[in-house]
Amino acid sequence: MLQDKTILLVDDEPKIRILLNDFLQKEGYRVIEAGDGRQAMEIFSEKGSDIALILLDVMIPEYDGWTVCREIRKSSDIPIIMMTARSEDFDEVHGFEIGADDYVKKPIKPTVLVARIQAFFRRLDKENGKRKRLVFGELEVDDNCHVVKICNEEISLSPTEYSILLVLAENNGRIVSREQLLRQVWGYDYYGGLRTVDTHINRLRIKLGKKGDAILTIRGFGYKFEG
């Protein structure tokens, strides 16, 4: 069944773009390619409303992947999956800190990448069908439109940050382990480790300001939301 979603693929290596493009198109995705950061931002500026997800390499010419991610996050919460051949843990943590939703290391297995993308879209589609509104004093999580507000002021969250908050809020007063968050938010066996959850939680707390204190760390167990 065709996915009917457009993916912006950003990588300066033509062979990788050809390989991933072929796999993605076979799965029914439409693909737009960019060979450097400048071109990626120009394409997103022109066609951003038509793009469902961005596959973004870190080491690209003109503007690197970090810069592109930061610039896009200033105006959009579109899902971004970072790709890199570097092995440093710093890359992964830094990618999450600037707003990336997921992270894959090269060499990339196209079948694994496609599985991650499909799981990501399935999760978003599932959330879109839930249609619920959760209110905790000044904090409102409206799943009808994927909007989070504090004192009626909208807070900008990435799709992954929103999903984490939704899972925690749905389990208000109950401990949610890091493993549970990995399964429910990422939707697959994630190989990046539990650090992934911690990094996103820290970023989420910052964005929520004073309401970030409602997300408690339960040492040795996970996290608990107390609305």
Protein backbone atom coordinates (compact mmCIF):
# COMPACT_ATOMS: atom_id res chain seq x y z
CA MET A 1 0.00 0.00 0.00
CA LEU A 2 1.39 3.40 -0.96
CA GLN A 3 2.41 5.65 1.88
CA ASP A 4 1.70 8.83 -0.11
CA LYS A 5 4.15 10.87 1.99
CA THR A 6 7.04 13.05 0.79
CA ILE A 7 10.50 12.74 2.34
CA LEU A 8 13.31 15.27 1.93
CA LEU A 9 16.57 13.29 1.66
CA VAL A 10 19.69 15.38 2.37
CA ASP A 11 23.09 13.77 1.73
CA ASP A 12 26.13 14.87 -0.27
CA GLU A 13 26.95 11.33 -1.44
CA PRO A 14 25.04 10.54 -4.69
CA LYS A 15 25.39 6.77 -4.19
CA ILE A 16 23.67 6.95 -0.80
CA ARG A 17 20.89 9.14 -2.18
CA ILE A 18 20.31 6.70 -5.06
CA LEU A 19 20.25 3.69 -2.71
CA LEU A 20 17.89 5.23 -0.17
CA ASN A 21 15.72 6.83 -2.84
CA ASP A 22 15.17 3.46 -4.50
CA PHE A 23 14.14 1.78 -1.25
CA LEU A 24 11.88 4.63 -0.17
CA GLN A 25 10.12 4.83 -3.53
CA LYS A 26 9.54 1.07 -3.52
CA GLU A 27 7.71 1.57 -0.21
CA GLY A 28 5.50 4.22 -1.80
CA TYR A 29 7.18 7.37 -0.50
CA ARG A 30 7.86 10.37 -2.70
CA VAL A 31 11.45 11.62 -2.36
CA ILE A 32 12.99 15.05 -2.89
CA GLU A 33 16.80 15.11 -2.85
CA ALA A 34 19.26 17.76 -1.69
CA GLY A 35 23.06 17.50 -1.91
CA ASP A 36 24.00 20.20 0.61
CA GLY A 37 22.59 22.24 3.48
CA ARG A 38 21.86 25.37 1.50
CA GLN A 39 19.85 23.45 -1.07
CA ALA A 40 18.00 21.62 1.71
CA MET A 41 16.87 24.86 3.35
CA GLU A 42 15.85 26.35 0.00
CA ILE A 43 13.74 23.29 -0.79
CA PHE A 44 12.17 23.30 2.64
CA SER A 45 11.40 27.00 2.36
CA GLU A 46 9.59 26.41 -0.93
CA LYS A 47 7.94 23.03 -0.31
CA GLY A 48 7.95 22.60 3.47
CA SER A 49 4.17 22.19 3.70
CA ASP A 50 4.37 19.18 1.36
CA ILE A 51 7.19 17.40 3.21
CA ALA A 52 6.30 14.83 5.88
CA LEU A 53 9.80 13.96 7.15
CA ILE A 54 13.47 14.91 6.64
CA LEU A 55 16.41 12.48 6.44
CA LEU A 56 19.35 14.74 7.20
CA ASP A 57 23.05 13.84 7.02
CA VAL A 58 25.28 15.61 9.56
CA MET A 59 28.40 16.14 7.44
CA ILE A 60 27.14 18.02 4.36
CA PRO A 61 28.62 21.05 2.53
CA GLU A 62 27.51 24.68 2.72
CA TYR A 63 25.54 24.35 5.97
CA ASP A 64 26.09 21.21 8.05
CA GLY A 65 23.23 19.08 9.35
CA TRP A 66 23.29 20.72 12.79
CA THR A 67 22.75 24.15 11.24
CA VAL A 68 19.96 22.94 8.98
CA CYS A 69 18.19 21.24 11.89
CA ARG A 70 18.43 24.32 14.10
CA GLU A 71 17.14 26.62 11.34
CA ILE A 72 14.19 24.36 10.52
CA ARG A 73 13.30 24.01 14.20
CA LYS A 74 12.87 27.79 14.44
CA SER A 75 9.69 27.54 12.38
CA SER A 76 8.67 23.89 12.10
CA ASP A 77 8.22 20.73 14.16
CA ILE A 78 8.53 18.45 11.13
CA PRO A 79 10.08 15.05 12.01
CA ILE A 80 13.85 15.02 11.44
CA ILE A 81 16.00 11.88 11.38
CA MET A 82 19.74 12.62 11.49
CA MET A 83 22.31 10.41 9.72
CA THR A 84 26.06 10.30 10.31
CA ALA A 85 29.15 8.19 9.69
CA ARG A 86 30.77 9.55 12.86
CA SER A 87 30.83 7.28 15.90
CA GLU A 88 31.01 9.87 18.67
CA ASP A 89 28.20 9.72 21.25
CA PHE A 90 28.31 13.54 21.26
CA ASP A 91 26.72 13.59 17.81
CA GLU A 92 23.67 11.65 18.96
CA VAL A 93 23.12 13.69 22.12
CA HIS A 94 23.72 16.97 20.31
CA GLY A 95 21.27 16.00 17.57
CA PHE A 96 18.54 15.39 20.12
CA GLU A 97 19.35 18.59 21.98
CA ILE A 98 18.83 20.74 18.88
CA GLY A 99 15.53 19.06 18.04
CA ALA A 100 16.17 15.89 16.01
CA ASP A 101 13.60 13.15 16.51
CA ASP A 102 15.74 10.16 15.68
CA TYR A 103 19.33 9.26 14.83
CA VAL A 104 20.88 6.57 12.64
CA LYS A 105 24.52 5.73 12.07
CA LYS A 106 26.13 4.90 8.74
CA PRO A 107 26.53 2.54 7.01
CA ILE A 108 22.73 2.56 6.91
CA LYS A 109 20.76 -0.59 6.21
CA PRO A 110 17.92 0.67 4.00
CA THR A 111 15.50 -1.98 5.26
CA VAL A 112 16.11 -0.91 8.88
CA LEU A 113 15.76 2.78 8.00
CA VAL A 114 12.49 2.17 6.16
CA ALA A 115 11.19 0.19 9.15
CA ARG A 116 11.99 3.12 11.45
CA ILE A 117 10.26 5.57 9.15
CA GLN A 118 7.17 3.38 8.89
CA ALA A 119 7.05 2.96 12.67
CA PHE A 120 7.37 6.73 13.08
CA PHE A 121 4.46 7.42 10.73
CA ARG A 122 2.33 4.67 12.29
CA ARG A 123 2.81 6.29 15.69
CA LEU A 124 1.83 9.72 14.38
CA ASP A 125 -1.23 8.30 12.61
CA LYS A 126 -2.26 6.48 15.78
CA GLU A 127 -1.93 9.65 17.83
CA ASN A 128 -3.95 11.60 15.26
CA GLY A 129 -6.82 9.18 15.78
CA LYS A 130 -6.91 9.38 19.58
CA ARG A 131 -8.68 12.74 19.79
CA LYS A 132 -8.32 13.60 23.46
CA ARG A 133 -7.73 16.70 25.53
CA LEU A 134 -5.85 16.55 28.83
CA VAL A 135 -5.81 19.51 31.22
CA PHE A 136 -3.58 19.84 34.28
CA GLY A 137 -4.10 23.30 35.70
CA GLU A 138 -2.24 25.73 33.47
CA LEU A 139 -1.02 22.93 31.18
CA GLU A 140 -3.23 21.70 28.34
CA VAL A 141 -2.42 18.85 25.94
CA ASP A 142 -4.94 18.87 23.09
CA ASP A 143 -4.52 15.77 20.94
CA ASN A 144 -7.22 16.92 18.53
CA CYS A 145 -4.69 19.32 17.02
CA HIS A 146 -1.38 18.24 18.63
CA VAL A 147 -1.17 21.49 20.57
CA VAL A 148 0.36 22.03 24.01
CA LYS A 149 -0.48 25.21 25.88
CA ILE A 150 0.62 26.74 29.17
CA CYS A 151 -1.59 29.56 30.39
CA ASN A 152 -3.24 29.53 26.94
CA GLU A 153 0.12 30.17 25.26
CA GLU A 154 1.13 27.54 22.71
CA ILE A 155 4.42 25.71 23.33
CA SER A 156 6.42 24.50 20.31
CA LEU A 157 7.39 20.83 20.67
CA SER A 158 8.88 18.40 18.18
CA PRO A 159 6.74 15.32 17.37
CA THR A 160 8.90 13.17 19.64
CA GLU A 161 8.75 15.63 22.54
CA TYR A 162 4.99 15.85 22.13
CA SER A 163 4.65 12.05 22.12
CA ILE A 164 6.73 11.73 25.30
CA LEU A 165 4.60 14.34 27.07
CA LEU A 166 1.41 12.63 25.90
CA VAL A 167 2.52 9.21 27.21
CA LEU A 168 3.55 10.69 30.56
CA ALA A 169 0.35 12.75 30.86
CA GLU A 170 -1.82 9.74 30.01
CA ASN A 171 -0.10 7.93 32.88
CA ASN A 172 -0.46 10.85 35.31
CA GLY A 173 0.75 9.79 38.76
CA ARG A 174 2.21 6.49 37.51
CA ILE A 175 5.86 5.65 36.88
CA VAL A 176 6.77 5.11 33.22
CA SER A 177 10.08 3.33 32.64
CA ARG A 178 12.58 4.42 30.01
CA GLU A 179 12.01 1.11 28.25
CA GLN A 180 8.26 1.81 28.10
CA LEU A 181 8.90 5.24 26.60
CA LEU A 182 11.23 3.76 23.98
CA ARG A 183 8.58 1.24 22.96
CA GLN A 184 5.62 3.59 23.00
CA VAL A 185 7.29 6.69 21.54
CA TRP A 186 9.81 5.29 19.06
CA GLY A 187 7.81 2.16 18.30
CA TYR A 188 10.73 -0.19 17.67
CA ASP A 189 13.77 -1.69 19.39
CA TYR A 190 15.98 1.38 19.53
CA TYR A 191 19.72 0.71 19.60
CA GLY A 192 20.80 4.14 20.81
CA GLY A 193 20.27 3.28 24.47
CA LEU A 194 18.30 4.85 27.29
CA ARG A 195 20.31 8.08 26.96
CA THR A 196 17.96 8.91 24.10
CA VAL A 197 15.00 9.18 26.49
CA ASP A 198 16.92 11.23 29.06
CA THR A 199 18.05 13.77 26.47
CA HIS A 200 14.53 14.29 25.16
CA ILE A 201 13.12 14.56 28.68
CA ASN A 202 15.65 17.28 29.55
CA ARG A 203 14.75 19.25 26.42
CA LEU A 204 11.03 18.81 27.11
CA ARG A 205 11.42 20.11 30.67
CA ILE A 206 13.20 23.22 29.40
CA LYS A 207 10.45 23.96 26.89
CA LEU A 208 7.74 23.52 29.52
CA GLY A 209 9.40 26.04 31.83
CA LYS A 210 8.00 25.87 35.37
CA LYS A 211 5.61 23.11 34.34
CA GLY A 212 8.66 21.01 33.51
CA ASP A 213 8.91 20.33 37.23
CA ALA A 214 5.82 18.12 36.84
CA ILE A 215 8.06 15.52 35.16
CA LEU A 216 9.81 13.77 38.02
CA THR A 217 12.84 11.49 37.73
CA ILE A 218 12.31 8.30 39.71
CA ARG A 219 15.85 7.09 40.11
CA GLY A 220 16.32 3.49 39.06
CA PHE A 221 12.80 3.26 37.57
CA GLY A 222 12.04 6.02 35.04
CA TYR A 223 9.83 9.09 35.04
CA LYS A 224 6.51 10.15 36.52
CA PHE A 225 4.23 13.01 35.52
CA GLU A 226 2.38 14.70 38.37
CA GLY A 227 -0.10 17.13 36.92
